[in-house]
Amino acid sequence: MPREALRGRGFKGAITMIGDEPHPPYERPQLSKAMLLSADAPVAYIKQPRDWNEALGVRLETGTAATDCDADRRIVSTADGRSFAFDRLLLATGTRPRRLAALDGGPLHVQYLRNVEDALRFRRHIAARARIVIVGGGVVGLEAACAAAKSGCLVTVIESEPRLLARAFPASVSALVADRHRSHGVQFVFGSTVTGSTSHSVRLGNGTEIPADLVLAGIGVTPSGDLATRLGLPSADGIAVDANGRTAVSDVFCAGDAALQWSRCHGRAIRVETWANAQNQAIAVAANMIGEINAYNAPPWFWTDQYDLDIQVVGDMRDADHIARGDPASAKFSIIAVRGTEVVGGLAVNAAKDMAMLRRIIAANAKPSRGDLESPGYDLQTALRSQ
């Protein structure tokens, strides 16, 4: 995290953190994981409020939104009328959920899963064994479906695409995940969209109605770019940064979900909406804010745990040749994505050791031969020894 990184590198100046949530910073993966799987799981804060001031010397301003920024005067203004001067500014504004417009203002309760209050609210519905419709078969929606199904809820997932996580998973892994959910009672509707609701059901485009007590919408996010717009930075697709986290405005940096950064694996600039990127990019950018040169180019990586499946993905799995290692029938295997001579992605199901090596191989831009990768006995560590 940037404030620990700054202090760890000997920075003695003032640090102020401004956030619109009332809570001190907390671990966001728990919102769809630990907090939903246990009825009494506490919120895992990164540090207690007093520690920010006493241990790190950080001024923590919670419950107040930063609404304006003047790059010339170097001032950030908040919704409650205060102003904060800066020498260097880090935008870590993250994202906001896309709204499910078809159900906005309708009679059925619709919620999202972006903060602590959302998770606690959804947890209460899980405890009540509600009939839950989840719109969107992405990671967050599927983790929520897993928690709800384990607690005995009737769960239906509506996905507009023909399969789950088509942008991140090969078709075989999408099928494996869907089958595991079905074995726990989750129902799926693919290739459909929601068009409306009654007080007790969701209506699909073909007229079908699905019983529901509430809807959880997980249809993606958009970058929170209001401050960037105030600074004159384009932000519709994210806030563009270089490898050091610098934006086009002098002394203004960006890290995390809102940052539009170059990905070698994808061959283009992308936003990386993962916990690992939010943490590690911020650490690298913090060093650059105090004059170090610390390029950040780690390949994107995320994980999801659903039932007995631990799935990890690194890099880009699309538009590539796939090489399987292990036995998919045993639900312990990995898939390597190769584009030309480059290893650009990897997916591991219950194969953490393979993933650890694939992350290192991709980060090092190692180029093992396709023949070696296809060999069942090939030790992935060999690819690094030849670097």
Protein backbone atom coordinates (compact mmCIF):
# COMPACT_ATOMS: atom_id res chain seq x y z
CA MET A 1 0.00 0.00 0.00
CA PRO A 2 1.34 3.49 -0.83
CA ARG A 3 1.38 4.99 2.69
CA GLU A 4 3.39 2.07 4.16
CA ALA A 5 5.67 2.14 1.10
CA LEU A 6 6.33 5.85 1.54
CA ARG A 7 7.20 5.52 5.21
CA GLY A 8 9.20 2.36 4.57
CA ARG A 9 11.37 4.29 2.14
CA GLY A 10 12.06 7.00 4.68
CA PHE A 11 9.60 9.65 3.53
CA LYS A 12 9.09 12.08 6.45
CA GLY A 13 6.60 14.50 4.90
CA ALA A 14 2.88 14.81 5.53
CA ILE A 15 0.54 12.17 4.07
CA THR A 16 -3.22 12.70 3.86
CA MET A 17 -5.67 10.03 2.73
CA ILE A 18 -9.19 11.07 1.68
CA GLY A 19 -12.01 8.55 1.13
CA ASP A 20 -15.76 8.81 0.88
CA GLU A 21 -16.46 5.61 2.85
CA PRO A 22 -16.86 5.94 6.64
CA HIS A 23 -14.48 3.05 7.29
CA PRO A 24 -10.71 3.04 7.46
CA PRO A 25 -9.12 1.14 4.55
CA TYR A 26 -10.06 -2.55 4.44
CA GLU A 27 -9.34 -5.63 2.35
CA ARG A 28 -11.83 -5.61 -0.53
CA PRO A 29 -11.64 -9.30 -1.59
CA GLN A 30 -13.47 -10.22 1.62
CA LEU A 31 -16.67 -8.55 0.36
CA SER A 32 -17.45 -11.52 -1.90
CA LYS A 33 -15.40 -14.09 0.00
CA ALA A 34 -14.95 -14.37 3.79
CA MET A 35 -17.70 -11.93 4.76
CA LEU A 36 -20.31 -13.93 2.83
CA LEU A 37 -19.14 -17.38 3.82
CA SER A 38 -19.50 -16.75 7.56
CA ALA A 39 -22.41 -15.07 9.32
CA ASP A 40 -20.09 -13.48 11.88
CA ALA A 41 -16.89 -12.81 9.94
CA PRO A 42 -15.52 -9.45 11.08
CA VAL A 43 -14.39 -6.76 8.68
CA ALA A 44 -10.67 -7.17 8.02
CA TYR A 45 -9.21 -3.67 8.23
CA ILE A 46 -5.73 -3.06 6.89
CA LYS A 47 -4.99 -1.14 10.09
CA GLN A 48 -7.06 0.24 12.93
CA PRO A 49 -7.81 3.99 12.69
CA ARG A 50 -5.44 4.96 15.52
CA ASP A 51 -2.57 3.10 13.83
CA TRP A 52 -2.70 5.31 10.78
CA ASN A 53 -1.84 8.34 12.87
CA GLU A 54 0.24 6.80 15.65
CA ALA A 55 2.24 4.21 13.70
CA LEU A 56 2.44 5.79 10.25
CA GLY A 57 1.78 9.45 10.83
CA VAL A 58 -1.01 9.49 8.24
CA ARG A 59 -3.91 11.91 8.39
CA LEU A 60 -6.96 9.80 7.59
CA GLU A 61 -10.05 11.63 6.34
CA THR A 62 -12.94 9.18 5.97
CA GLY A 63 -16.56 9.79 5.09
CA THR A 64 -15.77 12.74 2.86
CA ALA A 65 -15.64 12.65 -0.93
CA ALA A 66 -12.99 14.50 -2.90
CA THR A 67 -15.03 16.45 -5.43
CA ASP A 68 -12.63 18.86 -7.11
CA CYS A 69 -8.96 19.27 -7.90
CA ASP A 70 -6.98 22.29 -9.09
CA ALA A 71 -3.66 21.23 -10.60
CA ASP A 72 -2.32 24.79 -10.86
CA ARG A 73 -3.05 25.67 -7.22
CA ARG A 74 -2.35 22.06 -6.13
CA ILE A 75 -5.48 21.81 -4.02
CA VAL A 76 -7.99 19.00 -3.57
CA SER A 77 -11.46 20.04 -2.36
CA THR A 78 -13.98 17.83 -0.56
CA ALA A 79 -17.76 17.74 -0.46
CA ASP A 80 -17.85 19.21 3.04
CA GLY A 81 -16.13 22.39 1.88
CA ARG A 82 -12.55 21.73 2.98
CA SER A 83 -9.37 22.06 0.92
CA PHE A 84 -6.13 20.08 1.10
CA ALA A 85 -2.86 21.24 -0.45
CA PHE A 86 -0.53 18.75 -2.13
CA ASP A 87 2.91 18.53 -3.69
CA ARG A 88 2.14 15.16 -5.28
CA LEU A 89 -1.24 13.55 -5.70
CA LEU A 90 -2.16 9.89 -6.06
CA LEU A 91 -5.54 9.08 -7.59
CA ALA A 92 -6.65 5.69 -6.28
CA THR A 93 -10.32 6.29 -6.93
CA GLY A 94 -11.16 2.78 -8.11
CA THR A 95 -14.42 2.00 -9.85
CA ARG A 96 -18.17 2.21 -9.42
CA PRO A 97 -20.66 -0.55 -10.34
CA ARG A 98 -22.57 -0.41 -13.57
CA ARG A 99 -26.25 0.08 -12.78
CA LEU A 100 -28.86 -2.46 -13.83
CA ALA A 101 -31.03 0.12 -15.52
CA ALA A 102 -33.86 -2.28 -16.35
CA LEU A 103 -34.59 -2.74 -12.64
CA ASP A 104 -33.81 0.75 -11.33
CA GLY A 105 -36.83 2.12 -9.52
CA GLY A 106 -38.70 -1.18 -9.85
CA PRO A 107 -40.55 -3.03 -7.10
CA LEU A 108 -37.85 -5.66 -6.48
CA HIS A 109 -34.86 -4.89 -4.26
CA VAL A 110 -31.61 -4.63 -6.25
CA GLN A 111 -28.21 -4.37 -4.64
CA TYR A 112 -24.56 -4.29 -5.61
CA LEU A 113 -21.46 -5.59 -3.84
CA ARG A 114 -18.92 -2.77 -3.63
CA ASN A 115 -18.53 -1.91 0.06
CA VAL A 116 -18.87 -3.24 3.60
CA GLU A 117 -22.51 -2.20 3.94
CA ASP A 118 -23.38 -4.05 0.73
CA ALA A 119 -21.71 -7.23 1.99
CA LEU A 120 -23.43 -7.07 5.37
CA ARG A 121 -26.80 -6.48 3.72
CA PHE A 122 -26.35 -9.40 1.34
CA ARG A 123 -25.16 -11.58 4.22
CA ARG A 124 -28.46 -10.97 6.01
CA HIS A 125 -30.36 -12.16 2.94
CA ILE A 126 -28.19 -15.27 2.82
CA ALA A 127 -28.95 -15.98 6.48
CA ALA A 128 -32.67 -15.66 5.73
CA ARG A 129 -32.33 -18.19 2.89
CA ALA A 130 -33.76 -15.76 0.38
CA ARG A 131 -34.49 -16.53 -3.25
CA ILE A 132 -31.60 -14.75 -4.96
CA VAL A 133 -31.16 -13.84 -8.61
CA ILE A 134 -27.63 -12.82 -9.57
CA VAL A 135 -27.30 -10.89 -12.82
CA GLY A 136 -23.79 -11.40 -14.21
CA GLY A 137 -21.69 -14.54 -14.14
CA GLY A 138 -18.38 -12.90 -13.27
CA VAL A 139 -16.08 -13.67 -10.35
CA VAL A 140 -17.95 -11.56 -7.80
CA GLY A 141 -21.35 -12.89 -8.84
CA LEU A 142 -20.17 -16.50 -8.76
CA GLU A 143 -18.50 -16.14 -5.36
CA ALA A 144 -21.73 -14.64 -4.03
CA ALA A 145 -23.68 -17.52 -5.60
CA CYS A 146 -21.34 -20.01 -3.93
CA ALA A 147 -21.85 -18.46 -0.48
CA ALA A 148 -25.61 -18.26 -0.90
CA ALA A 149 -25.95 -21.82 -2.22
CA LYS A 150 -23.86 -23.19 0.65
CA SER A 151 -26.33 -21.58 3.06
CA GLY A 152 -29.35 -23.16 1.41
CA CYS A 153 -30.57 -20.24 -0.70
CA LEU A 154 -32.31 -20.78 -4.02
CA VAL A 155 -29.88 -19.14 -6.46
CA THR A 156 -30.28 -18.35 -10.16
CA VAL A 157 -27.47 -16.74 -12.18
CA ILE A 158 -28.40 -14.86 -15.36
CA GLU A 159 -25.53 -14.37 -17.80
CA SER A 160 -25.95 -12.59 -21.13
CA GLU A 161 -23.01 -14.48 -22.67
CA PRO A 162 -23.30 -18.17 -23.66
CA ARG A 163 -20.90 -19.21 -20.87
CA LEU A 164 -19.29 -18.02 -17.64
CA LEU A 165 -16.25 -15.73 -17.56
CA ALA A 166 -15.68 -15.95 -21.29
CA ARG A 167 -13.06 -13.18 -21.17
CA ALA A 168 -10.89 -14.99 -18.61
CA PHE A 169 -11.62 -18.73 -18.77
CA PRO A 170 -11.29 -21.28 -21.56
CA ALA A 171 -14.61 -22.97 -22.36
CA SER A 172 -13.62 -26.16 -20.53
CA VAL A 173 -13.03 -24.28 -17.26
CA SER A 174 -16.27 -22.33 -17.68
CA ALA A 175 -18.08 -25.66 -17.98
CA LEU A 176 -16.30 -27.09 -14.93
CA VAL A 177 -17.30 -24.10 -12.79
CA ALA A 178 -20.91 -24.20 -14.01
CA ASP A 179 -21.16 -27.92 -13.27
CA ARG A 180 -19.77 -27.43 -9.76
CA HIS A 181 -22.36 -24.73 -9.07
CA ARG A 182 -25.17 -26.88 -10.45
CA SER A 183 -24.15 -29.70 -8.12
CA HIS A 184 -24.90 -27.30 -5.26
CA GLY A 185 -28.29 -26.32 -6.63
CA VAL A 186 -27.43 -23.14 -8.52
CA GLN A 187 -29.40 -22.65 -11.73
CA PHE A 188 -28.10 -20.80 -14.78
CA VAL A 189 -29.79 -18.90 -17.57
CA PHE A 190 -27.38 -18.09 -20.42
CA GLY A 191 -27.82 -15.76 -23.37
CA SER A 192 -30.58 -13.76 -21.69
CA THR A 193 -31.00 -10.26 -20.33
CA VAL A 194 -33.22 -8.81 -17.64
CA THR A 195 -35.97 -6.48 -18.84
CA GLY A 196 -38.03 -5.83 -15.71
CA SER A 197 -39.37 -7.14 -12.44
CA THR A 198 -42.38 -7.60 -10.22
CA SER A 199 -42.29 -7.47 -6.43
CA HIS A 200 -41.43 -11.17 -6.35
CA SER A 201 -39.77 -12.03 -9.69
CA VAL A 202 -37.33 -11.02 -12.40
CA ARG A 203 -38.54 -10.84 -15.99
CA LEU A 204 -36.32 -11.87 -18.90
CA GLY A 205 -36.37 -10.70 -22.49
CA ASN A 206 -38.25 -13.79 -23.63
CA GLY A 207 -40.99 -13.20 -21.05
CA THR A 208 -39.82 -15.81 -18.56
CA GLU A 209 -40.20 -14.84 -14.91
CA ILE A 210 -37.79 -16.11 -12.24
CA PRO A 211 -38.91 -16.03 -8.58
CA ALA A 212 -36.74 -13.72 -6.48
CA ASP A 213 -36.66 -11.92 -3.16
CA LEU A 214 -33.77 -9.76 -4.29
CA VAL A 215 -31.34 -9.24 -7.15
CA LEU A 216 -27.58 -8.93 -6.87
CA ALA A 217 -26.22 -7.10 -9.91
CA GLY A 218 -22.67 -7.86 -10.97
CA ILE A 219 -22.52 -6.56 -14.53
CA GLY A 220 -19.16 -4.86 -14.37
CA VAL A 221 -17.74 -1.55 -13.27
CA THR A 222 -16.68 1.79 -14.70
CA PRO A 223 -13.66 3.84 -13.57
CA SER A 224 -14.33 6.61 -11.10
CA GLY A 225 -12.87 9.48 -13.08
CA ASP A 226 -14.54 12.61 -11.70
CA LEU A 227 -11.33 14.04 -10.27
CA ALA A 228 -9.42 13.13 -13.40
CA THR A 229 -11.96 15.04 -15.47
CA ARG A 230 -11.47 18.07 -13.23
CA LEU A 231 -7.76 17.83 -14.03
CA GLY A 232 -8.43 17.67 -17.76
CA LEU A 233 -7.51 13.98 -18.02
CA PRO A 234 -9.59 11.69 -20.24
CA SER A 235 -11.05 9.00 -17.99
CA ALA A 236 -13.92 7.23 -19.76
CA ASP A 237 -11.79 4.09 -20.22
CA GLY A 238 -9.55 4.73 -17.22
CA ILE A 239 -6.86 7.22 -16.27
CA ALA A 240 -3.89 6.71 -18.58
CA VAL A 241 -0.54 6.22 -16.82
CA ASP A 242 2.99 5.35 -17.85
CA ALA A 243 5.00 2.49 -16.34
CA ASN A 244 5.80 4.69 -13.34
CA GLY A 245 2.18 5.56 -12.64
CA ARG A 246 2.45 9.14 -13.89
CA THR A 247 -0.53 10.77 -15.57
CA ALA A 248 -0.30 13.54 -18.17
CA VAL A 249 -0.57 16.15 -15.39
CA SER A 250 2.68 16.95 -13.60
CA ASP A 251 3.00 15.41 -10.11
CA VAL A 252 -0.33 13.60 -10.40
CA PHE A 253 -0.15 9.80 -10.29
CA CYS A 254 -2.74 7.04 -10.48
CA ALA A 255 -2.81 3.41 -9.33
CA GLY A 256 -5.31 0.61 -8.94
CA ASP A 257 -8.58 -0.18 -10.71
CA ALA A 258 -8.91 3.27 -12.30
CA ALA A 259 -5.46 3.23 -13.93
CA LEU A 260 -5.24 2.51 -17.65
CA GLN A 261 -1.85 0.79 -17.91
CA TRP A 262 0.08 -1.09 -20.57
CA SER A 263 -0.10 -4.89 -20.43
CA ARG A 264 2.44 -6.82 -22.47
CA CYS A 265 0.33 -9.97 -22.15
CA HIS A 266 -2.66 -8.25 -23.74
CA GLY A 267 -0.66 -6.12 -26.17
CA ARG A 268 -2.63 -3.01 -25.23
CA ALA A 269 -3.48 -0.70 -22.37
CA ILE A 270 -6.05 -2.11 -19.96
CA ARG A 271 -7.49 -1.48 -16.53
CA VAL A 272 -6.62 -4.27 -14.08
CA GLU A 273 -9.42 -4.81 -11.58
CA THR A 274 -7.64 -7.08 -9.10
CA TRP A 275 -6.54 -6.87 -5.49
CA ALA A 276 -2.95 -7.79 -6.38
CA ASN A 277 -2.65 -4.97 -8.89
CA ALA A 278 -4.21 -2.42 -6.54
CA GLN A 279 -1.66 -3.34 -3.88
CA ASN A 280 1.49 -3.88 -5.92
CA GLN A 281 1.09 -1.07 -8.42
CA ALA A 282 0.42 1.35 -5.56
CA ILE A 283 3.63 0.27 -3.82
CA ALA A 284 5.65 0.85 -7.00
CA VAL A 285 3.99 4.20 -7.71
CA ALA A 286 4.57 5.38 -4.14
CA ALA A 287 8.31 4.89 -4.66
CA ASN A 288 8.14 6.92 -7.87
CA MET A 289 6.30 9.73 -6.10
CA ILE A 290 9.39 10.36 -3.96
CA GLY A 291 11.86 10.27 -6.83
CA GLU A 292 12.73 6.61 -7.33
CA ILE A 293 12.47 5.00 -10.76
CA ASN A 294 10.45 1.86 -10.29
CA ALA A 295 8.62 0.68 -13.41
CA TYR A 296 5.61 -1.52 -12.73
CA ASN A 297 4.92 -4.23 -15.29
CA ALA A 298 3.68 -7.23 -13.31
CA PRO A 299 1.29 -9.44 -15.31
CA PRO A 300 -2.34 -9.28 -14.12
CA TRP A 301 -3.25 -12.03 -11.65
CA PHE A 302 -6.36 -12.96 -9.69
CA TRP A 303 -7.82 -15.89 -7.82
CA THR A 304 -11.25 -17.17 -6.93
CA ASP A 305 -12.27 -19.95 -4.53
CA GLN A 306 -15.59 -21.63 -5.29
CA TYR A 307 -16.55 -24.78 -3.39
CA ASP A 308 -13.54 -27.12 -3.77
CA LEU A 309 -12.10 -25.22 -6.73
CA ASP A 310 -9.14 -22.88 -6.26
CA ILE A 311 -8.78 -21.11 -9.59
CA GLN A 312 -5.98 -18.68 -10.40
CA VAL A 313 -5.45 -16.76 -13.64
CA VAL A 314 -2.40 -14.80 -14.78
CA GLY A 315 -1.94 -12.75 -17.93
CA ASP A 316 -4.29 -13.10 -20.90
CA MET A 317 -5.98 -16.36 -21.89
CA ARG A 318 -7.73 -15.06 -25.01
CA ASP A 319 -6.64 -15.28 -28.66
CA ALA A 320 -3.92 -17.78 -27.83
CA ASP A 321 -3.12 -21.47 -28.17
CA HIS A 322 -3.82 -23.45 -25.00
CA ILE A 323 -1.61 -26.22 -23.64
CA ALA A 324 -3.05 -28.36 -20.85
CA ARG A 325 -0.97 -29.87 -18.05
CA GLY A 326 -2.40 -32.38 -15.59
CA ASP A 327 -5.75 -34.16 -15.63
CA PRO A 328 -8.83 -31.93 -16.07
CA ALA A 329 -11.04 -34.86 -15.02
CA SER A 330 -9.42 -34.74 -11.57
CA ALA A 331 -10.05 -30.99 -11.23
CA LYS A 332 -6.32 -30.47 -10.72
CA PHE A 333 -4.65 -29.07 -13.81
CA SER A 334 -3.28 -25.99 -15.48
CA ILE A 335 -3.62 -24.42 -18.91
CA ILE A 336 -0.86 -22.36 -20.51
CA ALA A 337 -1.71 -19.70 -23.10
CA VAL A 338 0.91 -19.29 -25.84
CA ARG A 339 0.88 -16.63 -28.56
CA GLY A 340 3.67 -17.15 -31.07
CA THR A 341 6.78 -17.78 -28.97
CA GLU A 342 5.45 -15.98 -25.88
CA VAL A 343 3.74 -17.41 -22.84
CA VAL A 344 1.06 -14.76 -22.29
CA GLY A 345 -1.27 -16.39 -19.80
CA GLY A 346 -1.93 -19.26 -17.48
CA LEU A 347 -4.83 -20.74 -15.53
CA ALA A 348 -4.49 -23.22 -12.67
CA VAL A 349 -7.24 -25.24 -11.01
CA ASN A 350 -6.13 -26.60 -7.66
CA ALA A 351 -2.53 -26.37 -8.94
CA ALA A 352 -0.94 -23.56 -6.95
CA LYS A 353 2.63 -24.69 -7.66
CA ASP A 354 2.07 -24.47 -11.40
CA MET A 355 0.63 -20.98 -11.00
CA ALA A 356 3.57 -19.80 -8.91
CA MET A 357 5.91 -20.82 -11.73
CA LEU A 358 3.70 -19.44 -14.51
CA ARG A 359 3.56 -16.04 -12.83
CA ARG A 360 7.36 -15.96 -12.73
CA ILE A 361 7.72 -17.21 -16.32
CA ILE A 362 5.37 -14.56 -17.68
CA ALA A 363 6.89 -11.78 -15.59
CA ALA A 364 10.36 -12.73 -16.85
CA ASN A 365 9.11 -12.99 -20.46
CA ALA A 366 10.68 -16.43 -20.62
CA LYS A 367 10.14 -18.35 -23.86
CA PRO A 368 10.15 -22.11 -23.29
CA SER A 369 9.52 -24.11 -26.44
CA ARG A 370 6.04 -25.34 -27.17
CA GLY A 371 7.36 -28.87 -27.30
CA ASP A 372 8.71 -28.57 -23.76
CA LEU A 373 5.44 -27.13 -22.45
CA GLU A 374 3.48 -29.95 -24.08
CA SER A 375 5.68 -32.58 -22.43
CA PRO A 376 3.97 -33.96 -19.28
CA GLY A 377 7.31 -34.36 -17.53
CA TYR A 378 8.63 -30.88 -18.23
CA ASP A 379 9.59 -28.94 -15.10
CA LEU A 380 8.33 -25.36 -15.50
CA GLN A 381 11.22 -24.12 -13.37
CA THR A 382 13.54 -25.09 -16.20
CA ALA A 383 12.14 -22.20 -18.23
CA LEU A 384 13.55 -19.77 -15.68
CA ARG A 385 16.95 -21.41 -15.43
CA SER A 386 17.57 -20.75 -19.11
CA GLN A 387 16.97 -16.99 -18.72
